[in-house]
N, C-alpha and C. Protein backbone atom coordinates (compact mmCIF):
# COMPACT_ATOMS: atom_id res chain seq x y z
N MET A 1 102.41 157.42 64.77
CA MET A 1 102.80 156.26 65.66
C MET A 1 101.59 155.40 65.89
N GLY A 2 101.84 154.17 65.59
CA GLY A 2 100.72 153.20 65.74
C GLY A 2 100.24 152.79 67.21
N ALA A 3 98.97 152.48 67.33
CA ALA A 3 98.53 152.16 68.61
C ALA A 3 99.24 150.83 69.22
N ARG A 4 99.40 150.65 70.34
CA ARG A 4 100.23 149.55 70.97
C ARG A 4 99.21 148.43 70.95
N LYS A 5 99.60 147.14 70.35
CA LYS A 5 98.80 146.14 70.35
C LYS A 5 98.47 145.48 71.69
N PRO A 6 97.27 145.41 72.15
CA PRO A 6 96.94 144.90 73.42
C PRO A 6 97.49 143.54 73.66
N ARG A 7 97.97 143.37 75.09
CA ARG A 7 98.56 141.95 75.49
C ARG A 7 97.59 141.01 75.46
N GLU A 8 97.68 139.76 74.96
CA GLU A 8 96.75 138.80 75.04
C GLU A 8 96.54 138.35 76.58
N PRO A 9 95.34 138.40 77.05
CA PRO A 9 95.11 138.00 78.46
C PRO A 9 95.62 136.61 78.84
N LEU A 10 96.17 136.41 80.05
CA LEU A 10 96.55 135.14 80.42
C LEU A 10 95.40 134.11 80.63
N SER A 11 95.50 132.85 80.22
CA SER A 11 94.44 132.03 80.39
C SER A 11 95.09 130.63 80.69
N ARG A 12 94.31 129.67 81.16
CA ARG A 12 94.80 128.19 81.35
C ARG A 12 95.33 127.74 79.93
N GLU A 13 94.49 127.86 78.89
CA GLU A 13 94.97 127.45 77.62
C GLU A 13 96.38 127.93 77.07
N ARG A 14 96.41 129.35 77.26
CA ARG A 14 97.46 130.05 76.95
C ARG A 14 98.73 129.49 77.58
N ALA A 15 98.50 129.42 78.89
CA ALA A 15 99.76 128.97 79.81
C ALA A 15 100.19 127.41 79.50
N LEU A 16 99.20 126.66 79.29
CA LEU A 16 99.53 125.30 78.95
C LEU A 16 100.05 125.07 77.49
N ALA A 17 99.73 125.95 76.52
CA ALA A 17 100.34 125.91 75.22
C ALA A 17 101.71 126.26 75.21
N ALA A 18 102.03 127.37 76.16
CA ALA A 18 103.43 127.85 76.30
C ALA A 18 104.31 126.87 77.00
N ALA A 19 103.70 126.10 78.05
CA ALA A 19 104.36 125.05 78.77
C ALA A 19 104.80 123.85 77.73
N ILE A 20 103.77 123.48 77.00
CA ILE A 20 104.06 122.27 76.07
C ILE A 20 105.27 122.93 75.00
N ALA A 21 105.11 123.94 74.59
CA ALA A 21 106.08 124.53 73.52
C ALA A 21 107.58 124.43 74.33
N LEU A 22 107.62 124.91 75.63
CA LEU A 22 108.92 124.85 76.32
C LEU A 22 109.39 123.36 76.51
N VAL A 23 108.54 122.58 76.79
CA VAL A 23 108.98 121.04 77.25
C VAL A 23 109.24 120.42 75.85
N ASP A 24 108.63 120.77 74.86
CA ASP A 24 108.90 120.12 73.55
C ASP A 24 110.34 120.56 73.22
N ALA A 25 110.73 121.66 73.38
CA ALA A 25 112.14 122.25 72.99
C ALA A 25 113.08 121.89 74.01
N GLU A 26 112.83 121.91 75.21
CA GLU A 26 113.93 121.68 76.12
C GLU A 26 113.68 120.55 77.20
N GLY A 27 112.68 119.84 77.15
CA GLY A 27 112.42 118.88 78.08
C GLY A 27 111.77 119.19 79.37
N LEU A 28 111.29 118.22 80.13
CA LEU A 28 110.52 118.59 81.41
C LEU A 28 111.30 119.23 82.49
N PRO A 29 112.64 118.80 82.53
CA PRO A 29 113.48 119.53 83.72
C PRO A 29 113.46 121.08 83.61
N ALA A 30 113.32 121.43 82.28
CA ALA A 30 113.34 122.99 82.05
C ALA A 30 112.10 123.79 82.48
N LEU A 31 111.10 122.95 82.82
CA LEU A 31 109.79 123.62 83.17
C LEU A 31 109.62 123.94 84.55
N THR A 32 109.47 125.22 84.97
CA THR A 32 109.30 125.63 86.28
C THR A 32 108.14 126.76 86.06
N MET A 33 107.63 127.00 87.38
CA MET A 33 106.40 127.99 87.08
C MET A 33 107.18 129.38 86.87
N ARG A 34 108.35 129.72 87.40
CA ARG A 34 109.09 131.01 87.16
C ARG A 34 109.42 131.22 85.74
N ARG A 35 110.08 130.05 85.12
CA ARG A 35 110.29 130.07 83.75
C ARG A 35 109.17 130.20 82.78
N LEU A 36 108.20 129.53 83.16
CA LEU A 36 107.06 129.64 82.32
C LEU A 36 106.37 131.00 82.28
N ALA A 37 106.41 131.58 83.62
CA ALA A 37 105.88 133.01 83.64
C ALA A 37 106.72 133.96 82.91
N ALA A 38 107.93 133.87 83.05
CA ALA A 38 108.83 134.68 82.26
C ALA A 38 108.50 134.76 80.89
N GLY A 39 108.36 133.50 80.17
CA GLY A 39 108.12 133.27 78.78
C GLY A 39 106.72 133.93 78.34
N LEU A 40 105.78 133.90 79.37
CA LEU A 40 104.59 134.59 79.09
C LEU A 40 104.41 136.08 79.36
N GLY A 41 105.48 136.60 80.06
CA GLY A 41 105.62 137.87 80.33
C GLY A 41 104.71 138.32 81.45
N VAL A 42 104.50 137.46 82.47
CA VAL A 42 103.66 137.67 83.49
C VAL A 42 104.37 137.30 84.81
N GLU A 43 103.94 137.70 86.00
CA GLU A 43 104.51 137.28 87.36
C GLU A 43 104.03 135.94 87.58
N ALA A 44 104.98 135.24 88.09
CA ALA A 44 104.89 133.74 88.44
C ALA A 44 103.59 133.50 89.26
N MET A 45 103.21 134.50 90.10
CA MET A 45 102.00 134.24 91.03
C MET A 45 100.65 134.42 90.18
N SER A 46 100.92 134.96 88.96
CA SER A 46 99.67 135.06 88.12
C SER A 46 99.29 133.64 87.70
N LEU A 47 100.24 132.79 87.53
CA LEU A 47 99.94 131.50 86.89
C LEU A 47 99.24 130.51 87.83
N TYR A 48 99.25 130.94 89.16
CA TYR A 48 98.70 129.95 90.11
C TYR A 48 97.11 130.34 90.08
N TYR A 49 96.56 131.22 89.54
CA TYR A 49 95.26 131.45 89.50
C TYR A 49 94.58 130.54 88.38
N HIS A 50 95.41 130.04 87.47
CA HIS A 50 94.95 129.20 86.32
C HIS A 50 95.44 127.63 86.59
N LEU A 51 96.73 127.64 87.17
CA LEU A 51 97.35 126.23 87.34
C LEU A 51 97.77 126.16 88.82
N PRO A 52 97.21 125.53 89.74
CA PRO A 52 97.62 125.35 91.08
C PRO A 52 99.05 124.80 91.34
N GLY A 53 100.03 125.40 91.08
CA GLY A 53 101.29 125.05 91.34
C GLY A 53 101.72 123.97 90.35
N LYS A 54 103.02 123.60 90.71
CA LYS A 54 103.76 122.60 89.69
C LYS A 54 103.08 121.35 89.45
N GLU A 55 102.36 120.68 90.38
CA GLU A 55 101.59 119.43 90.10
C GLU A 55 100.32 119.78 89.38
N GLY A 56 99.72 120.76 89.46
CA GLY A 56 98.47 121.30 88.66
C GLY A 56 99.04 121.40 87.23
N LEU A 57 100.15 122.06 87.14
CA LEU A 57 100.84 122.22 85.70
C LEU A 57 101.11 121.02 85.11
N LEU A 58 101.59 120.02 85.74
CA LEU A 58 101.90 118.64 85.06
C LEU A 58 100.57 117.88 84.73
N ASP A 59 99.54 118.06 85.63
CA ASP A 59 98.36 117.55 85.21
C ASP A 59 97.79 118.18 84.11
N GLY A 60 97.90 119.37 83.99
CA GLY A 60 97.46 120.18 82.91
C GLY A 60 98.15 119.90 81.55
N LEU A 61 99.39 119.48 81.56
CA LEU A 61 100.05 119.18 80.39
C LEU A 61 99.52 117.72 80.04
N ILE A 62 99.15 116.77 80.86
CA ILE A 62 98.62 115.64 80.31
C ILE A 62 97.30 115.76 79.77
N GLU A 63 96.54 116.60 80.47
CA GLU A 63 95.14 116.94 79.94
C GLU A 63 95.29 117.40 78.54
N ALA A 64 96.21 118.37 78.45
CA ALA A 64 96.25 118.94 76.88
C ALA A 64 96.74 117.96 75.89
N VAL A 65 97.75 116.93 76.34
CA VAL A 65 97.89 116.01 75.24
C VAL A 65 96.89 114.97 75.04
N ILE A 66 96.23 114.63 76.04
CA ILE A 66 95.02 113.67 75.97
C ILE A 66 93.97 114.41 75.00
N SER A 67 93.58 115.66 75.14
CA SER A 67 92.78 116.48 74.33
C SER A 67 93.46 116.45 72.88
N GLU A 68 94.62 116.57 72.65
CA GLU A 68 95.22 116.43 71.35
C GLU A 68 94.99 115.27 70.86
N ILE A 69 95.14 114.02 71.51
CA ILE A 69 94.95 112.70 71.00
C ILE A 69 93.52 112.55 70.69
N GLU A 70 92.42 113.02 71.55
CA GLU A 70 91.06 112.87 71.20
C GLU A 70 90.82 113.52 69.83
N VAL A 71 91.37 114.73 69.45
CA VAL A 71 91.05 115.42 68.22
C VAL A 71 91.67 114.66 67.13
N ALA A 72 92.95 114.19 67.32
CA ALA A 72 93.52 113.40 66.27
C ALA A 72 92.75 112.02 65.96
N ALA A 73 92.23 111.50 67.14
CA ALA A 73 91.59 110.17 66.85
C ALA A 73 90.26 110.31 66.22
N ALA A 74 89.52 111.50 66.57
CA ALA A 74 88.24 111.80 65.89
C ALA A 74 88.49 111.87 64.34
N GLN A 75 89.71 112.49 64.01
CA GLN A 75 89.80 112.65 62.50
C GLN A 75 90.12 111.47 61.98
N ALA A 76 91.01 110.53 62.61
CA ALA A 76 91.15 109.29 62.11
C ALA A 76 89.97 108.52 61.97
N ASP A 77 89.09 108.56 62.90
CA ASP A 77 87.84 107.84 62.80
C ASP A 77 86.98 108.22 61.62
N ALA A 78 86.88 109.67 61.29
CA ALA A 78 86.15 110.12 60.20
C ALA A 78 86.73 109.73 58.92
N THR A 79 88.06 109.66 58.85
CA THR A 79 88.81 109.09 57.62
C THR A 79 88.45 107.58 57.50
N ALA A 80 88.29 106.82 58.56
CA ALA A 80 88.07 105.36 58.36
C ALA A 80 86.64 104.98 58.53
N ALA A 81 85.82 105.95 58.48
CA ALA A 81 84.24 105.73 58.55
C ALA A 81 83.79 104.79 57.52
N GLY A 82 83.05 103.72 58.07
CA GLY A 82 82.69 102.48 57.24
C GLY A 82 83.67 101.43 57.00
N SER A 83 84.78 101.59 57.59
CA SER A 83 85.87 100.49 57.48
C SER A 83 85.69 99.44 58.52
N ASP A 84 86.28 98.52 58.58
CA ASP A 84 86.16 97.36 59.72
C ASP A 84 86.74 97.73 60.91
N TRP A 85 86.51 97.05 61.98
CA TRP A 85 86.85 97.54 63.38
C TRP A 85 88.52 97.62 63.43
N ARG A 86 89.06 96.79 62.75
CA ARG A 86 90.68 96.65 62.79
C ARG A 86 91.11 97.93 62.25
N THR A 87 90.65 98.37 60.84
CA THR A 87 91.21 99.48 60.46
C THR A 87 90.91 100.80 61.14
N ARG A 88 89.77 100.76 61.76
CA ARG A 88 89.32 101.93 62.66
C ARG A 88 90.31 102.22 63.84
N LEU A 89 90.56 100.93 64.63
CA LEU A 89 91.26 101.05 65.69
C LEU A 89 92.75 101.28 65.37
N ARG A 90 93.24 100.58 64.21
CA ARG A 90 94.80 101.00 63.76
C ARG A 90 94.91 102.41 63.57
N GLY A 91 93.94 103.04 62.90
CA GLY A 91 93.96 104.44 62.47
C GLY A 91 94.08 105.38 63.83
N ARG A 92 92.97 104.87 64.81
CA ARG A 92 93.07 105.62 66.13
C ARG A 92 94.36 105.51 66.98
N PHE A 93 94.86 104.30 66.93
CA PHE A 93 96.20 104.11 67.78
C PHE A 93 97.40 104.94 67.10
N LEU A 94 97.28 104.77 65.79
CA LEU A 94 98.33 105.50 65.01
C LEU A 94 98.27 106.95 65.22
N ALA A 95 97.10 107.46 65.17
CA ALA A 95 96.96 108.99 65.42
C ALA A 95 97.26 109.40 66.75
N ALA A 96 97.21 108.49 67.88
CA ALA A 96 97.61 108.83 69.12
C ALA A 96 99.18 108.72 69.12
N ARG A 97 99.72 107.77 68.47
CA ARG A 97 101.15 107.72 68.33
C ARG A 97 101.84 109.00 67.64
N ALA A 98 101.24 109.49 66.65
CA ALA A 98 101.66 110.69 66.07
C ALA A 98 101.79 111.83 67.16
N VAL A 99 100.80 111.88 67.94
CA VAL A 99 100.78 112.91 68.95
C VAL A 99 101.93 112.83 69.92
N MET A 100 102.10 111.52 70.39
CA MET A 100 103.25 111.22 71.38
C MET A 100 104.57 111.48 70.63
N LEU A 101 104.77 111.19 69.45
CA LEU A 101 106.06 111.53 68.64
C LEU A 101 106.42 113.09 68.65
N ARG A 102 105.28 113.86 68.64
CA ARG A 102 105.39 115.26 68.77
C ARG A 102 105.80 115.64 70.16
N HIS A 103 105.41 114.87 71.08
CA HIS A 103 105.77 115.25 72.47
C HIS A 103 106.21 114.07 73.31
N PRO A 104 107.47 113.74 72.91
CA PRO A 104 108.13 112.44 73.37
C PRO A 104 108.29 112.32 74.98
N TRP A 105 108.11 113.54 75.57
CA TRP A 105 108.20 113.34 77.15
C TRP A 105 106.82 113.04 77.67
N ALA A 106 105.81 112.87 77.00
CA ALA A 106 104.39 112.61 77.42
C ALA A 106 104.12 111.24 77.93
N PRO A 107 104.71 110.17 77.27
CA PRO A 107 104.47 108.83 77.94
C PRO A 107 104.90 108.57 79.20
N ALA A 108 106.29 109.04 79.51
CA ALA A 108 106.78 108.84 80.83
C ALA A 108 105.96 109.77 81.91
N LEU A 109 105.62 110.99 81.52
CA LEU A 109 104.78 111.81 82.49
C LEU A 109 103.47 111.14 82.66
N LEU A 110 102.75 110.75 81.80
CA LEU A 110 101.55 110.09 81.82
C LEU A 110 101.42 108.90 82.63
N SER A 111 102.57 108.00 82.55
CA SER A 111 102.65 106.90 83.32
C SER A 111 102.98 107.29 84.88
N ALA A 112 103.52 108.51 85.09
CA ALA A 112 103.93 108.69 86.50
C ALA A 112 102.96 109.63 87.17
N ARG A 113 101.93 110.04 86.48
CA ARG A 113 100.77 110.88 87.28
C ARG A 113 99.73 110.03 87.97
N PRO A 114 99.43 110.62 89.17
CA PRO A 114 98.58 109.88 89.99
C PRO A 114 97.05 109.83 89.57
N ASN A 115 96.63 111.11 88.78
CA ASN A 115 95.36 111.44 88.37
C ASN A 115 95.21 110.95 86.93
N ILE A 116 94.06 110.42 86.47
CA ILE A 116 93.63 110.08 85.15
C ILE A 116 92.72 111.09 84.59
N PRO A 117 93.14 111.80 83.56
CA PRO A 117 92.24 112.80 83.01
C PRO A 117 90.89 112.10 82.39
N ALA A 118 89.90 112.92 82.60
CA ALA A 118 88.45 112.47 82.26
C ALA A 118 88.56 112.14 80.71
N GLY A 119 89.30 112.72 79.93
CA GLY A 119 89.50 112.49 78.55
C GLY A 119 89.89 110.97 78.20
N VAL A 120 90.74 110.40 79.15
CA VAL A 120 91.08 109.11 78.90
C VAL A 120 89.86 108.11 78.84
N TYR A 121 89.01 108.35 79.65
CA TYR A 121 87.77 107.50 79.69
C TYR A 121 87.03 107.48 78.45
N THR A 122 86.76 108.79 78.11
CA THR A 122 86.02 109.13 76.93
C THR A 122 86.75 108.34 75.72
N TYR A 123 88.06 108.43 75.68
CA TYR A 123 88.73 107.82 74.51
C TYR A 123 88.75 106.34 74.66
N TYR A 124 88.73 105.65 75.74
CA TYR A 124 88.62 104.19 75.83
C TYR A 124 87.24 103.76 75.44
N ASP A 125 86.26 104.63 75.79
CA ASP A 125 84.81 104.31 75.51
C ASP A 125 84.63 104.22 74.08
N ARG A 126 85.37 104.98 73.26
CA ARG A 126 85.21 104.93 71.75
C ARG A 126 85.89 103.68 71.30
N ILE A 127 86.97 103.12 71.87
CA ILE A 127 87.55 102.06 71.44
C ILE A 127 86.67 100.81 71.88
N ILE A 128 85.95 100.77 73.02
CA ILE A 128 85.17 99.73 73.33
C ILE A 128 83.94 99.51 72.25
N ALA A 129 83.42 100.89 71.90
CA ALA A 129 82.26 100.99 70.84
C ALA A 129 82.62 100.41 69.69
N THR A 130 83.93 100.66 69.11
CA THR A 130 84.43 100.14 67.92
C THR A 130 84.44 98.64 67.90
N LEU A 131 84.98 98.12 69.06
CA LEU A 131 85.05 96.61 69.29
C LEU A 131 83.60 95.99 69.21
N LEU A 132 82.75 96.63 69.90
CA LEU A 132 81.42 96.10 69.91
C LEU A 132 80.77 96.14 68.48
N ASP A 133 81.10 97.20 67.72
CA ASP A 133 80.53 97.34 66.48
C ASP A 133 81.10 96.36 65.53
N GLY A 134 82.31 95.89 65.85
CA GLY A 134 82.92 94.79 65.10
C GLY A 134 82.51 93.43 65.53
N GLY A 135 81.59 93.21 66.28
CA GLY A 135 81.15 92.00 66.58
C GLY A 135 81.63 91.34 67.83
N PHE A 136 82.32 91.99 68.69
CA PHE A 136 82.97 91.52 69.88
C PHE A 136 82.15 91.77 71.11
N SER A 137 82.02 90.78 72.02
CA SER A 137 81.30 90.88 73.33
C SER A 137 81.97 91.81 74.27
N TYR A 138 81.30 92.14 75.27
CA TYR A 138 81.88 92.92 76.46
C TYR A 138 82.98 92.31 77.01
N ARG A 139 82.91 91.02 77.22
CA ARG A 139 83.88 90.18 77.65
C ARG A 139 85.31 90.35 76.93
N ILE A 140 85.14 90.01 75.71
CA ILE A 140 86.33 90.14 74.95
C ILE A 140 86.95 91.55 74.67
N ALA A 141 85.97 92.55 74.69
CA ALA A 141 86.50 93.94 74.59
C ALA A 141 87.16 94.27 75.91
N HIS A 142 86.62 93.84 76.97
CA HIS A 142 87.38 94.10 78.29
C HIS A 142 88.76 93.54 78.33
N ARG A 143 89.06 92.32 77.87
CA ARG A 143 90.32 91.65 77.59
C ARG A 143 91.15 92.42 76.77
N ALA A 144 90.52 92.83 75.53
CA ALA A 144 91.26 93.66 74.50
C ALA A 144 92.05 94.87 75.02
N VAL A 145 91.08 95.55 76.00
CA VAL A 145 91.52 96.94 76.49
C VAL A 145 92.85 96.45 77.31
N HIS A 146 92.75 95.52 78.20
CA HIS A 146 93.97 95.18 78.88
C HIS A 146 95.09 94.84 77.95
N ALA A 147 94.87 94.15 77.01
CA ALA A 147 95.94 93.68 76.07
C ALA A 147 96.72 94.85 75.26
N PHE A 148 95.75 95.88 75.05
CA PHE A 148 96.23 96.96 74.30
C PHE A 148 97.13 97.82 75.21
N GLY A 149 96.76 97.89 76.50
CA GLY A 149 97.48 98.83 77.44
C GLY A 149 97.69 100.13 76.93
N SER A 150 99.05 100.61 77.02
CA SER A 150 99.28 101.86 76.57
C SER A 150 99.48 101.98 75.09
N LEU A 151 99.35 100.93 74.34
CA LEU A 151 99.57 101.07 72.83
C LEU A 151 98.30 101.92 72.27
N ALA A 152 97.08 101.83 72.99
CA ALA A 152 95.95 102.60 72.60
C ALA A 152 96.21 104.00 72.62
N LEU A 153 97.25 104.51 73.59
CA LEU A 153 97.39 105.92 73.72
C LEU A 153 98.86 106.27 72.82
N GLY A 154 99.28 105.42 72.18
CA GLY A 154 100.36 105.71 71.18
C GLY A 154 101.75 105.36 71.61
N PHE A 155 101.89 104.64 72.75
CA PHE A 155 103.32 104.25 73.21
C PHE A 155 103.30 102.87 73.91
N ALA A 156 104.34 102.23 73.88
CA ALA A 156 104.62 101.06 74.67
C ALA A 156 105.21 101.18 75.83
N GLN A 157 104.70 100.59 76.82
CA GLN A 157 105.33 100.68 78.19
C GLN A 157 106.46 99.69 78.17
N GLU A 158 107.65 100.14 78.37
CA GLU A 158 108.85 99.56 78.17
C GLU A 158 109.18 98.58 79.47
N VAL A 159 109.64 97.43 79.14
CA VAL A 159 110.20 96.62 80.29
C VAL A 159 111.50 97.26 80.81
N PHE A 160 112.30 97.70 79.72
CA PHE A 160 113.64 98.24 80.21
C PHE A 160 113.52 99.76 79.78
N ARG A 161 113.61 100.72 80.87
CA ARG A 161 113.37 102.09 80.62
C ARG A 161 114.45 102.89 81.49
N PRO A 162 115.58 103.00 80.89
CA PRO A 162 116.74 103.56 81.60
C PRO A 162 116.32 105.03 82.26
N ALA A 163 115.53 105.72 81.57
CA ALA A 163 115.26 107.17 82.05
C ALA A 163 113.81 107.17 82.84
N ALA A 164 114.00 107.98 83.86
CA ALA A 164 112.43 108.16 84.65
C ALA A 164 111.96 109.44 84.03
N ALA A 165 110.61 109.54 84.54
CA ALA A 165 109.82 110.79 83.88
C ALA A 165 110.82 111.98 83.94
N GLY A 166 110.70 112.63 82.80
CA GLY A 166 111.42 113.78 82.61
C GLY A 166 112.88 113.74 82.22
N GLY A 167 113.49 112.56 82.39
CA GLY A 167 114.86 112.31 82.01
C GLY A 167 115.15 112.16 80.56
N ALA A 168 116.34 112.00 80.16
CA ALA A 168 116.57 111.75 78.66
C ALA A 168 117.07 110.16 78.66
N THR A 169 116.55 109.44 77.78
CA THR A 169 117.21 108.10 77.56
C THR A 169 118.36 108.22 76.81
N ASP A 170 119.46 107.80 77.33
CA ASP A 170 120.81 107.85 76.72
C ASP A 170 120.99 106.42 76.26
N VAL A 171 120.84 106.21 74.98
CA VAL A 171 120.77 104.83 74.42
C VAL A 171 122.18 104.22 74.47
N ALA A 172 123.20 105.01 74.28
CA ALA A 172 124.64 104.57 74.21
C ALA A 172 125.10 104.02 75.64
N VAL A 173 124.70 104.99 76.65
CA VAL A 173 124.97 104.63 77.97
C VAL A 173 124.38 103.20 78.43
N ALA A 174 122.99 102.98 78.08
CA ALA A 174 122.37 101.85 78.45
C ALA A 174 122.90 100.79 77.81
N GLU A 175 123.21 100.82 76.54
CA GLU A 175 123.79 99.54 75.81
C GLU A 175 125.09 99.26 76.25
N ALA A 176 125.97 100.29 76.65
CA ALA A 176 127.21 100.18 77.24
C ALA A 176 127.07 99.24 78.54
N GLU A 177 126.10 99.53 79.34
CA GLU A 177 126.03 98.94 80.54
C GLU A 177 125.64 97.43 80.22
N LEU A 178 124.73 97.25 79.39
CA LEU A 178 124.47 95.86 78.88
C LEU A 178 125.69 95.12 78.48
N ALA A 179 126.56 95.81 77.53
CA ALA A 179 127.60 95.09 77.11
C ALA A 179 128.65 94.84 78.19
N ALA A 180 128.62 95.54 79.19
CA ALA A 180 129.45 95.27 80.33
C ALA A 180 128.88 94.00 81.13
N MET A 181 127.67 93.63 80.95
CA MET A 181 127.09 92.48 81.65
C MET A 181 126.81 91.38 80.61
N ALA A 182 127.57 91.41 79.53
CA ALA A 182 127.39 90.40 78.39
C ALA A 182 127.48 88.97 78.83
N GLU A 183 128.34 88.74 79.70
CA GLU A 183 128.58 87.40 80.08
C GLU A 183 127.56 86.84 80.96
N ALA A 184 127.04 87.72 81.80
CA ALA A 184 125.77 87.36 82.67
C ALA A 184 124.64 87.33 82.02
N LEU A 185 124.32 88.20 80.98
CA LEU A 185 123.11 88.34 80.36
C LEU A 185 123.43 88.11 78.76
N PRO A 186 123.80 86.94 78.42
CA PRO A 186 124.02 86.70 77.02
C PRO A 186 122.96 86.87 76.08
N HIS A 187 121.76 86.40 76.37
CA HIS A 187 120.64 86.42 75.40
C HIS A 187 120.03 87.79 75.30
N LEU A 188 119.95 88.68 76.47
CA LEU A 188 119.44 89.98 76.45
C LEU A 188 120.45 90.81 75.70
N THR A 189 121.76 90.67 75.85
CA THR A 189 122.63 91.36 75.16
C THR A 189 122.70 91.29 73.73
N ALA A 190 122.60 89.87 73.29
CA ALA A 190 122.44 89.70 71.96
C ALA A 190 121.30 90.03 71.24
N MET A 191 120.08 90.05 71.96
CA MET A 191 118.84 90.52 71.37
C MET A 191 119.05 92.10 71.13
N VAL A 192 119.57 92.92 72.04
CA VAL A 192 119.62 94.29 71.85
C VAL A 192 120.57 94.61 70.64
N ALA A 193 121.71 93.78 70.60
CA ALA A 193 122.57 94.06 69.53
C ALA A 193 121.99 93.75 68.20
N ALA A 194 121.11 92.67 68.09
CA ALA A 194 120.49 92.16 66.84
C ALA A 194 119.40 93.32 66.51
N GLU A 195 118.73 93.89 67.50
CA GLU A 195 117.53 94.80 67.24
C GLU A 195 117.86 96.13 67.23
N ALA A 196 119.20 96.72 66.78
CA ALA A 196 119.45 97.94 66.61
C ALA A 196 118.41 98.78 65.70
N HIS A 197 117.92 99.97 66.13
CA HIS A 197 116.86 100.60 65.54
C HIS A 197 117.38 101.29 64.19
N ASP A 198 116.66 101.07 63.16
CA ASP A 198 117.00 102.02 61.93
C ASP A 198 116.94 103.41 62.27
N ALA A 199 117.81 104.23 61.69
CA ALA A 199 117.80 105.62 62.04
C ALA A 199 116.56 106.28 61.56
N ALA A 200 115.87 105.76 60.52
CA ALA A 200 114.61 106.46 60.03
C ALA A 200 113.40 105.97 60.76
N ASP A 201 113.59 104.97 61.69
CA ASP A 201 112.62 104.45 62.50
C ASP A 201 112.33 105.24 63.77
N PRO A 202 111.16 106.21 63.75
CA PRO A 202 110.82 106.85 64.88
C PRO A 202 110.79 106.23 66.13
N THR A 203 111.30 106.59 67.31
CA THR A 203 111.28 106.03 68.49
C THR A 203 110.71 106.89 69.66
N LEU A 204 110.11 106.44 70.64
CA LEU A 204 109.76 107.07 71.79
C LEU A 204 110.51 106.67 73.06
N GLY A 205 111.43 105.76 72.92
CA GLY A 205 112.22 105.21 73.98
C GLY A 205 113.30 104.31 73.51
N TRP A 206 113.93 103.66 74.48
CA TRP A 206 114.96 102.80 74.25
C TRP A 206 114.45 101.65 73.32
N CYS A 207 113.27 101.24 73.74
CA CYS A 207 112.80 99.99 72.90
C CYS A 207 111.29 100.10 72.50
N ASP A 208 111.04 101.30 71.82
CA ASP A 208 109.63 101.59 71.45
C ASP A 208 109.62 102.31 70.15
N SER A 209 109.87 101.56 68.91
CA SER A 209 110.04 102.20 67.78
C SER A 209 108.67 101.96 66.98
N GLN A 210 108.52 102.77 65.88
CA GLN A 210 107.30 102.70 65.26
C GLN A 210 107.28 101.24 64.58
N VAL A 211 108.20 100.56 64.14
CA VAL A 211 108.15 99.20 63.51
C VAL A 211 107.68 98.36 64.57
N GLU A 212 108.19 98.38 65.89
CA GLU A 212 107.66 97.49 66.86
C GLU A 212 106.37 97.79 67.32
N PHE A 213 106.09 99.07 67.32
CA PHE A 213 104.62 99.42 67.61
C PHE A 213 103.62 98.82 66.79
N GLU A 214 103.76 99.11 65.41
CA GLU A 214 102.78 98.55 64.55
C GLU A 214 102.96 97.12 64.41
N PHE A 215 104.07 96.42 64.60
CA PHE A 215 104.09 94.88 64.76
C PHE A 215 103.16 94.35 65.79
N THR A 216 103.31 95.10 66.86
CA THR A 216 102.53 94.59 68.26
C THR A 216 101.16 94.86 68.00
N LEU A 217 100.73 95.92 67.41
CA LEU A 217 99.35 96.22 67.18
C LEU A 217 98.71 95.06 66.29
N ASP A 218 99.37 94.78 65.16
CA ASP A 218 98.92 93.63 64.19
C ASP A 218 98.88 92.33 64.84
N LEU A 219 99.74 92.06 65.70
CA LEU A 219 99.63 90.88 66.48
C LEU A 219 98.59 90.74 67.39
N LEU A 220 98.21 91.83 67.99
CA LEU A 220 97.00 91.81 68.97
C LEU A 220 95.75 91.78 68.08
N PHE A 221 95.72 92.35 67.06
CA PHE A 221 94.52 92.40 66.19
C PHE A 221 94.27 91.08 65.67
N ASP A 222 95.38 90.35 65.32
CA ASP A 222 95.14 89.01 64.68
C ASP A 222 94.68 87.98 65.78
N GLY A 223 95.13 88.19 67.05
CA GLY A 223 94.61 87.47 68.11
C GLY A 223 93.21 87.65 68.36
N LEU A 224 92.82 89.04 68.41
CA LEU A 224 91.48 89.38 68.66
C LEU A 224 90.50 88.64 67.60
N GLU A 225 90.81 88.82 66.34
CA GLU A 225 90.12 88.14 65.32
C GLU A 225 89.84 86.70 65.51
N ARG A 226 90.90 85.98 65.97
CA ARG A 226 90.75 84.74 66.42
C ARG A 226 89.85 84.44 67.48
N ALA A 227 89.94 85.22 68.47
CA ALA A 227 89.13 85.05 69.65
C ALA A 227 87.77 85.26 69.36
N ARG A 228 87.25 86.29 68.45
CA ARG A 228 86.01 86.50 68.13
C ARG A 228 85.32 85.34 67.21
N ASP A 229 86.18 84.62 66.46
CA ASP A 229 85.67 83.51 65.58
C ASP A 229 85.41 82.44 66.57
């Protein structure tokens, strides 16, 4: 009879990896300390040593996603080494986008958290460095960061967002509500009808598709090029 394989010790990293896997599969509402502990094969109280309650767990989820973005962005930077500022930033932002598409719950959670992970500052510092290397002043770099907004982190902050953090965006319900108000909102209703997303176009929300994301990036980059000149 073979020796029993020792159980992997509980750690913050292991707990967060399990939490991300759970939320990816079932959404944020499914995540509780008790549910996470059960999946890890530990008592719920054991988690509190590594993650101080549900709020600490949610902050940890965002920290983990930002770390994933930093790794992906660094790989994109290495691939684009020697390229112009536009190519480098585009690669960085699309790398962040790929992470968000893997974790579609992350944009709403990040927008709702009161604390900003330290990794976000490091990430934006590299963006500013890229702009300075591209010949922009600090003044224009500052304005660029404002213009990029959450696009730099891979998602668009939507004007119309039917779902709150942790909820599911029901596109059919949202569009039905708009249709019911078609007479009062003729232009908004017509725009939504005209801009139906292609099924092959990855989305992060009701109005945050890959095509729209890349279009907006290119629009901003074109404007920055003109501002520099």
